[in-house]
Amino acid sequence: MKNNYQTLLKHPKWFVRRKEILNRDKEQCVICSSSIKLEVHHRQYHFSKSKNTFVPPWQYDDKYLITICNHCHNMGHDQIKKIPIFKIR
């Protein structure tokens, strides 16, 4: 998943979606309010059983995307080693 996912994060549709989430969160980390090195984080991943592939990152509902700074993102991944994957239709 990692290589394919990294490729999808370079897609123009992701840049548009990422900007929407950054704007929604007022361009600051929802955890610490930092505005430095911001990232848009997926709270979970969705796997489409019918398409046998992961849902593209820009197709997630707002509730699954949050703005966090690099520091908080790394701390979160240190505490939670694996982001949940949910299989959908």
C-alpha atoms as a PDB file:
ATOM      1  CA  MET A   1       0.000   0.000   0.000  1.00  0.00           C
ATOM      2  CA  LYS A   2       2.752   2.465   0.931  1.00  0.00           C
ATOM      3  CA  ASN A   3       4.225   2.953  -2.564  1.00  0.00           C
ATOM      4  CA  ASN A   4       0.827   3.203  -4.239  1.00  0.00           C
ATOM      5  CA  TYR A   5      -0.427   5.532  -1.504  1.00  0.00           C
ATOM      6  CA  GLN A   6       2.620   7.792  -1.865  1.00  0.00           C
ATOM      7  CA  THR A   7       1.896   8.050  -5.588  1.00  0.00           C
ATOM      8  CA  LEU A   8      -1.729   8.989  -4.917  1.00  0.00           C
ATOM      9  CA  LEU A   9      -0.583  11.788  -2.590  1.00  0.00           C
ATOM     10  CA  LYS A  10       1.040  13.438  -5.618  1.00  0.00           C
ATOM     11  CA  HIS A  11      -2.214  13.434  -7.592  1.00  0.00           C
ATOM     12  CA  PRO A  12      -3.797  16.866  -8.338  1.00  0.00           C
ATOM     13  CA  LYS A  13      -7.084  15.712  -6.776  1.00  0.00           C
ATOM     14  CA  TRP A  14      -5.285  15.133  -3.469  1.00  0.00           C
ATOM     15  CA  PHE A  15      -3.773  18.639  -3.558  1.00  0.00           C
ATOM     16  CA  VAL A  16      -7.262  20.114  -3.911  1.00  0.00           C
ATOM     17  CA  ARG A  17      -8.733  17.920  -1.160  1.00  0.00           C
ATOM     18  CA  ARG A  18      -5.775  18.577   1.140  1.00  0.00           C
ATOM     19  CA  LYS A  19      -6.229  22.338   0.742  1.00  0.00           C
ATOM     20  CA  GLU A  20      -9.936  22.005   1.620  1.00  0.00           C
ATOM     21  CA  ILE A  21      -9.067  20.275   4.894  1.00  0.00           C
ATOM     22  CA  LEU A  22      -6.296  22.758   5.714  1.00  0.00           C
ATOM     23  CA  ASN A  23      -8.755  25.616   5.156  1.00  0.00           C
ATOM     24  CA  ARG A  24     -11.427  23.933   7.243  1.00  0.00           C
ATOM     25  CA  ASP A  25      -8.963  23.542  10.134  1.00  0.00           C
ATOM     26  CA  LYS A  26      -7.788  27.155   9.758  1.00  0.00           C
ATOM     27  CA  GLU A  27      -4.305  26.046   8.666  1.00  0.00           C
ATOM     28  CA  GLN A  28      -3.323  24.817  12.104  1.00  0.00           C
ATOM     29  CA  CYS A  29      -2.830  21.526  13.894  1.00  0.00           C
ATOM     30  CA  VAL A  30      -6.043  20.358  15.566  1.00  0.00           C
ATOM     31  CA  ILE A  31      -3.965  18.983  18.463  1.00  0.00           C
ATOM     32  CA  CYS A  32      -1.437  21.704  19.333  1.00  0.00           C
ATOM     33  CA  SER A  33      -2.520  24.670  17.115  1.00  0.00           C
ATOM     34  CA  SER A  34       0.865  24.845  15.387  1.00  0.00           C
ATOM     35  CA  SER A  35       0.933  26.201  11.839  1.00  0.00           C
ATOM     36  CA  ILE A  36       4.349  24.704  11.012  1.00  0.00           C
ATOM     37  CA  LYS A  37       4.887  21.612   8.804  1.00  0.00           C
ATOM     38  CA  LEU A  38       1.199  20.777   8.459  1.00  0.00           C
ATOM     39  CA  GLU A  39      -0.055  17.464   7.123  1.00  0.00           C
ATOM     40  CA  VAL A  40      -3.511  16.102   6.428  1.00  0.00           C
ATOM     41  CA  HIS A  41      -3.914  12.805   8.239  1.00  0.00           C
ATOM     42  CA  HIS A  42      -6.342   9.969   7.469  1.00  0.00           C
ATOM     43  CA  ARG A  43      -7.860   8.665  10.707  1.00  0.00           C
ATOM     44  CA  GLN A  44      -8.489   5.345   8.978  1.00  0.00           C
ATOM     45  CA  TYR A  45      -8.084   3.758   5.571  1.00  0.00           C
ATOM     46  CA  HIS A  46     -10.872   2.262   3.480  1.00  0.00           C
ATOM     47  CA  PHE A  47     -10.446  -0.756   1.253  1.00  0.00           C
ATOM     48  CA  SER A  48     -13.009  -1.280  -1.507  1.00  0.00           C
ATOM     49  CA  LYS A  49     -13.818  -4.979  -1.756  1.00  0.00           C
ATOM     50  CA  SER A  50     -15.635  -4.529  -5.064  1.00  0.00           C
ATOM     51  CA  LYS A  51     -12.649  -2.768  -6.658  1.00  0.00           C
ATOM     52  CA  ASN A  52     -10.035  -4.725  -4.691  1.00  0.00           C
ATOM     53  CA  THR A  53      -8.094  -1.561  -3.940  1.00  0.00           C
ATOM     54  CA  PHE A  54      -7.788   1.211  -1.402  1.00  0.00           C
ATOM     55  CA  VAL A  55     -10.108   4.194  -1.756  1.00  0.00           C
ATOM     56  CA  PRO A  56      -8.152   7.176  -3.167  1.00  0.00           C
ATOM     57  CA  PRO A  57      -7.203   9.659  -0.415  1.00  0.00           C
ATOM     58  CA  TRP A  58      -9.278  12.491  -1.896  1.00  0.00           C
ATOM     59  CA  GLN A  59     -12.528  10.466  -1.699  1.00  0.00           C
ATOM     60  CA  TYR A  60     -12.716  10.350   2.111  1.00  0.00           C
ATOM     61  CA  ASP A  61     -15.419  12.162   4.069  1.00  0.00           C
ATOM     62  CA  ASP A  62     -14.289  15.190   6.057  1.00  0.00           C
ATOM     63  CA  LYS A  63     -14.678  13.328   9.349  1.00  0.00           C
ATOM     64  CA  TYR A  64     -11.823  10.988   8.403  1.00  0.00           C
ATOM     65  CA  LEU A  65      -9.333  13.769   7.586  1.00  0.00           C
ATOM     66  CA  ILE A  66      -7.630  16.115  10.060  1.00  0.00           C
ATOM     67  CA  THR A  67      -4.864  18.696   9.918  1.00  0.00           C
ATOM     68  CA  ILE A  68      -1.935  17.931  12.183  1.00  0.00           C
ATOM     69  CA  CYS A  69       1.640  19.140  12.352  1.00  0.00           C
ATOM     70  CA  ASN A  70       4.499  16.797  11.566  1.00  0.00           C
ATOM     71  CA  HIS A  71       5.445  16.553  15.255  1.00  0.00           C
ATOM     72  CA  CYS A  72       1.943  15.498  16.409  1.00  0.00           C
ATOM     73  CA  HIS A  73       1.611  13.173  13.414  1.00  0.00           C
ATOM     74  CA  ASN A  74       4.822  11.372  14.321  1.00  0.00           C
ATOM     75  CA  MET A  75       3.854  11.182  17.999  1.00  0.00           C
ATOM     76  CA  GLY A  76       0.487   9.708  17.025  1.00  0.00           C
ATOM     77  CA  HIS A  77       2.088   7.037  14.866  1.00  0.00           C
ATOM     78  CA  ASP A  78       4.514   6.210  17.686  1.00  0.00           C
ATOM     79  CA  GLN A  79       1.551   5.586  20.014  1.00  0.00           C
ATOM     80  CA  ILE A  80      -0.715   3.892  17.470  1.00  0.00           C
ATOM     81  CA  LYS A  81       1.464   1.672  15.319  1.00  0.00           C
ATOM     82  CA  LYS A  82      -1.174   0.861  12.732  1.00  0.00           C
ATOM     83  CA  ILE A  83      -4.001   2.946  11.284  1.00  0.00           C
ATOM     84  CA  PRO A  84      -7.215   0.895  11.051  1.00  0.00           C
ATOM     85  CA  ILE A  85      -8.291  -0.399   7.645  1.00  0.00           C
ATOM     86  CA  PHE A  86     -12.016  -0.852   7.039  1.00  0.00           C
ATOM     87  CA  LYS A  87     -13.354  -2.956   4.204  1.00  0.00           C
ATOM     88  CA  ILE A  88     -16.278  -1.382   2.387  1.00  0.00           C
ATOM     89  CA  ARG A  89     -18.415  -2.460  -0.533  1.00  0.00           C
END
